[in-house]
Amino acid sequence: MIPARFAPILFAFLLSGMMSFLVSGVATYGALGMVDGFVGKWILGWTKSWPVAFAAALVVAPFTRKLVAKLTKPA
């Protein structure tokens, strides 16, 4: 098991992977349509975008948490 102190990094890693997978699929389809080799092109786009999404998630998450805290009231 992974120690709990790494939970925010693991969360960003998994969320960025899933989100970039979906978004790269939509973007690839939008740009190319359902062409031969679509899945390969999608996976290539995903492998290039996931590291960027992961880094962005790590940087943006603290600001997002603060913004959410300001926009919501405590229970």
N, C-alpha and C. Protein backbone atom coordinates (compact mmCIF):
# COMPACT_ATOMS: atom_id res chain seq x y z
N MET A 1 0.83 -1.19 0.00
CA MET A 1 0.00 0.00 0.00
C MET A 1 0.87 1.26 0.00
N ILE A 2 0.33 2.29 -0.54
CA ILE A 2 1.03 3.57 -0.60
C ILE A 2 0.69 4.36 0.66
N PRO A 3 1.68 4.97 1.32
CA PRO A 3 1.41 5.76 2.53
C PRO A 3 0.43 6.91 2.24
N ALA A 4 -0.40 7.22 3.22
CA ALA A 4 -1.44 8.24 3.07
C ALA A 4 -0.88 9.61 2.73
N ARG A 5 0.36 9.89 3.12
CA ARG A 5 0.93 11.21 2.83
C ARG A 5 1.07 11.46 1.33
N PHE A 6 1.05 10.39 0.54
CA PHE A 6 1.15 10.54 -0.91
C PHE A 6 -0.23 10.60 -1.60
N ALA A 7 -1.29 10.63 -0.82
CA ALA A 7 -2.64 10.63 -1.39
C ALA A 7 -2.89 11.78 -2.37
N PRO A 8 -2.49 13.02 -2.06
CA PRO A 8 -2.74 14.09 -3.04
C PRO A 8 -2.02 13.88 -4.37
N ILE A 9 -0.83 13.33 -4.33
CA ILE A 9 -0.08 13.07 -5.57
C ILE A 9 -0.71 11.93 -6.34
N LEU A 10 -1.10 10.88 -5.62
CA LEU A 10 -1.76 9.75 -6.28
C LEU A 10 -3.09 10.18 -6.89
N PHE A 11 -3.84 11.01 -6.16
CA PHE A 11 -5.10 11.52 -6.67
C PHE A 11 -4.88 12.30 -7.97
N ALA A 12 -3.90 13.21 -7.97
CA ALA A 12 -3.61 14.00 -9.17
C ALA A 12 -3.16 13.11 -10.32
N PHE A 13 -2.37 12.09 -10.00
CA PHE A 13 -1.88 11.17 -11.03
C PHE A 13 -3.04 10.42 -11.69
N LEU A 14 -3.91 9.85 -10.87
CA LEU A 14 -5.03 9.07 -11.41
C LEU A 14 -6.06 9.95 -12.11
N LEU A 15 -6.41 11.07 -11.49
CA LEU A 15 -7.40 11.96 -12.11
C LEU A 15 -6.88 12.52 -13.43
N SER A 16 -5.62 12.95 -13.45
CA SER A 16 -5.07 13.50 -14.70
C SER A 16 -5.00 12.44 -15.78
N GLY A 17 -4.70 11.20 -15.39
CA GLY A 17 -4.66 10.13 -16.38
C GLY A 17 -6.02 9.87 -17.00
N MET A 18 -7.04 9.80 -16.15
CA MET A 18 -8.40 9.54 -16.66
C MET A 18 -8.93 10.71 -17.48
N MET A 19 -8.74 11.92 -16.96
CA MET A 19 -9.26 13.09 -17.67
C MET A 19 -8.53 13.30 -19.00
N SER A 20 -7.21 13.17 -19.00
CA SER A 20 -6.49 13.37 -20.25
C SER A 20 -6.81 12.27 -21.26
N PHE A 21 -7.10 11.06 -20.78
CA PHE A 21 -7.51 9.97 -21.67
C PHE A 21 -8.80 10.34 -22.39
N LEU A 22 -9.79 10.80 -21.63
CA LEU A 22 -11.08 11.17 -22.23
C LEU A 22 -10.96 12.38 -23.15
N VAL A 23 -10.29 13.41 -22.67
CA VAL A 23 -10.19 14.64 -23.46
C VAL A 23 -9.38 14.42 -24.73
N SER A 24 -8.30 13.65 -24.64
CA SER A 24 -7.51 13.40 -25.85
C SER A 24 -8.30 12.58 -26.86
N GLY A 25 -9.16 11.70 -26.38
CA GLY A 25 -10.02 10.94 -27.29
C GLY A 25 -11.00 11.83 -28.01
N VAL A 26 -11.62 12.73 -27.27
CA VAL A 26 -12.57 13.67 -27.88
C VAL A 26 -11.85 14.59 -28.87
N ALA A 27 -10.68 15.09 -28.47
CA ALA A 27 -9.93 15.99 -29.35
C ALA A 27 -9.44 15.27 -30.61
N THR A 28 -8.98 14.04 -30.45
CA THR A 28 -8.52 13.27 -31.61
C THR A 28 -9.67 13.00 -32.56
N TYR A 29 -10.81 12.63 -32.01
CA TYR A 29 -11.99 12.38 -32.85
C TYR A 29 -12.42 13.67 -33.54
N GLY A 30 -12.41 14.77 -32.80
CA GLY A 30 -12.81 16.05 -33.40
C GLY A 30 -11.89 16.49 -34.52
N ALA A 31 -10.61 16.22 -34.37
CA ALA A 31 -9.64 16.65 -35.37
C ALA A 31 -9.58 15.72 -36.58
N LEU A 32 -9.72 14.42 -36.34
CA LEU A 32 -9.49 13.45 -37.42
C LEU A 32 -10.73 12.68 -37.84
N GLY A 33 -11.70 12.58 -36.96
CA GLY A 33 -12.84 11.71 -37.23
C GLY A 33 -12.43 10.26 -36.97
N MET A 34 -13.29 9.34 -37.32
CA MET A 34 -13.02 7.91 -37.09
C MET A 34 -12.22 7.35 -38.26
N VAL A 35 -10.92 7.65 -38.27
CA VAL A 35 -10.03 7.24 -39.36
C VAL A 35 -9.37 5.91 -39.02
N ASP A 36 -8.75 5.29 -40.02
CA ASP A 36 -7.94 4.11 -39.76
C ASP A 36 -6.81 4.49 -38.81
N GLY A 37 -6.56 3.66 -37.83
CA GLY A 37 -5.51 3.94 -36.86
C GLY A 37 -5.92 4.93 -35.79
N PHE A 38 -7.23 5.16 -35.66
CA PHE A 38 -7.72 6.14 -34.68
C PHE A 38 -7.22 5.86 -33.27
N VAL A 39 -7.34 4.62 -32.84
CA VAL A 39 -6.96 4.27 -31.46
C VAL A 39 -5.47 4.53 -31.22
N GLY A 40 -4.64 4.19 -32.18
CA GLY A 40 -3.20 4.45 -32.04
C GLY A 40 -2.90 5.94 -31.94
N LYS A 41 -3.57 6.73 -32.76
CA LYS A 41 -3.38 8.18 -32.72
C LYS A 41 -3.87 8.74 -31.40
N TRP A 42 -4.99 8.21 -30.91
CA TRP A 42 -5.54 8.64 -29.62
C TRP A 42 -4.55 8.33 -28.49
N ILE A 43 -4.03 7.11 -28.47
CA ILE A 43 -3.10 6.72 -27.41
C ILE A 43 -1.82 7.55 -27.48
N LEU A 44 -1.35 7.83 -28.67
CA LEU A 44 -0.16 8.67 -28.82
C LEU A 44 -0.42 10.07 -28.25
N GLY A 45 -1.57 10.63 -28.59
CA GLY A 45 -1.94 11.94 -28.04
C GLY A 45 -2.06 11.91 -26.53
N TRP A 46 -2.61 10.82 -26.01
CA TRP A 46 -2.79 10.69 -24.57
C TRP A 46 -1.45 10.61 -23.86
N THR A 47 -0.53 9.82 -24.40
CA THR A 47 0.77 9.68 -23.73
C THR A 47 1.55 10.99 -23.72
N LYS A 48 1.28 11.85 -24.68
CA LYS A 48 1.92 13.16 -24.69
C LYS A 48 1.22 14.15 -23.76
N SER A 49 -0.08 14.00 -23.60
CA SER A 49 -0.83 14.97 -22.80
C SER A 49 -0.88 14.63 -21.31
N TRP A 50 -0.74 13.36 -20.95
CA TRP A 50 -0.86 12.99 -19.55
C TRP A 50 0.19 13.66 -18.67
N PRO A 51 1.46 13.67 -19.04
CA PRO A 51 2.44 14.36 -18.18
C PRO A 51 2.12 15.84 -17.97
N VAL A 52 1.62 16.49 -19.00
CA VAL A 52 1.24 17.90 -18.89
C VAL A 52 0.05 18.04 -17.95
N ALA A 53 -0.92 17.17 -18.10
CA ALA A 53 -2.10 17.21 -17.23
C ALA A 53 -1.73 16.92 -15.78
N PHE A 54 -0.82 15.99 -15.56
CA PHE A 54 -0.40 15.66 -14.20
C PHE A 54 0.31 16.84 -13.55
N ALA A 55 1.23 17.45 -14.26
CA ALA A 55 1.93 18.62 -13.73
C ALA A 55 0.95 19.76 -13.44
N ALA A 56 0.02 19.97 -14.35
CA ALA A 56 -0.97 21.02 -14.16
C ALA A 56 -1.85 20.72 -12.94
N ALA A 57 -2.23 19.48 -12.76
CA ALA A 57 -3.06 19.11 -11.61
C ALA A 57 -2.32 19.37 -10.31
N LEU A 58 -1.04 19.07 -10.26
CA LEU A 58 -0.26 19.31 -9.05
C LEU A 58 -0.15 20.80 -8.74
N VAL A 59 0.00 21.61 -9.76
CA VAL A 59 0.17 23.06 -9.57
C VAL A 59 -1.17 23.74 -9.28
N VAL A 60 -2.21 23.34 -9.97
CA VAL A 60 -3.51 24.02 -9.87
C VAL A 60 -4.32 23.57 -8.66
N ALA A 61 -4.11 22.36 -8.18
CA ALA A 61 -4.93 21.82 -7.09
C ALA A 61 -4.97 22.72 -5.84
N PRO A 62 -3.85 23.22 -5.35
CA PRO A 62 -3.93 24.07 -4.15
C PRO A 62 -4.77 25.33 -4.36
N PHE A 63 -4.63 25.95 -5.52
CA PHE A 63 -5.43 27.15 -5.82
C PHE A 63 -6.91 26.80 -5.93
N THR A 64 -7.19 25.66 -6.53
CA THR A 64 -8.57 25.22 -6.68
C THR A 64 -9.20 24.94 -5.32
N ARG A 65 -8.46 24.28 -4.42
CA ARG A 65 -8.98 24.01 -3.07
C ARG A 65 -9.31 25.31 -2.36
N LYS A 66 -8.44 26.31 -2.46
CA LYS A 66 -8.69 27.61 -1.82
C LYS A 66 -9.91 28.29 -2.42
N LEU A 67 -10.05 28.23 -3.73
CA LEU A 67 -11.20 28.84 -4.39
C LEU A 67 -12.49 28.16 -3.98
N VAL A 68 -12.48 26.85 -3.92
CA VAL A 68 -13.66 26.10 -3.49
C VAL A 68 -14.02 26.46 -2.05
N ALA A 69 -13.01 26.59 -1.20
CA ALA A 69 -13.25 26.95 0.19
C ALA A 69 -13.89 28.33 0.30
N LYS A 70 -13.51 29.24 -0.58
CA LYS A 70 -14.09 30.60 -0.56
C LYS A 70 -15.51 30.62 -1.13
N LEU A 71 -15.80 29.73 -2.05
CA LEU A 71 -17.10 29.71 -2.71
C LEU A 71 -18.14 28.87 -1.98
N THR A 72 -17.73 28.17 -0.95
CA THR A 72 -18.67 27.32 -0.20
C THR A 72 -18.65 27.72 1.26
N LYS A 73 -19.70 27.36 1.97
CA LYS A 73 -19.71 27.64 3.40
C LYS A 73 -19.58 26.33 4.16
N PRO A 74 -18.94 26.38 5.31
CA PRO A 74 -18.73 25.16 6.08
C PRO A 74 -20.06 24.49 6.46
N ALA A 75 -20.00 23.18 6.63
CA ALA A 75 -21.21 22.43 7.00
C ALA A 75 -21.69 22.81 8.39
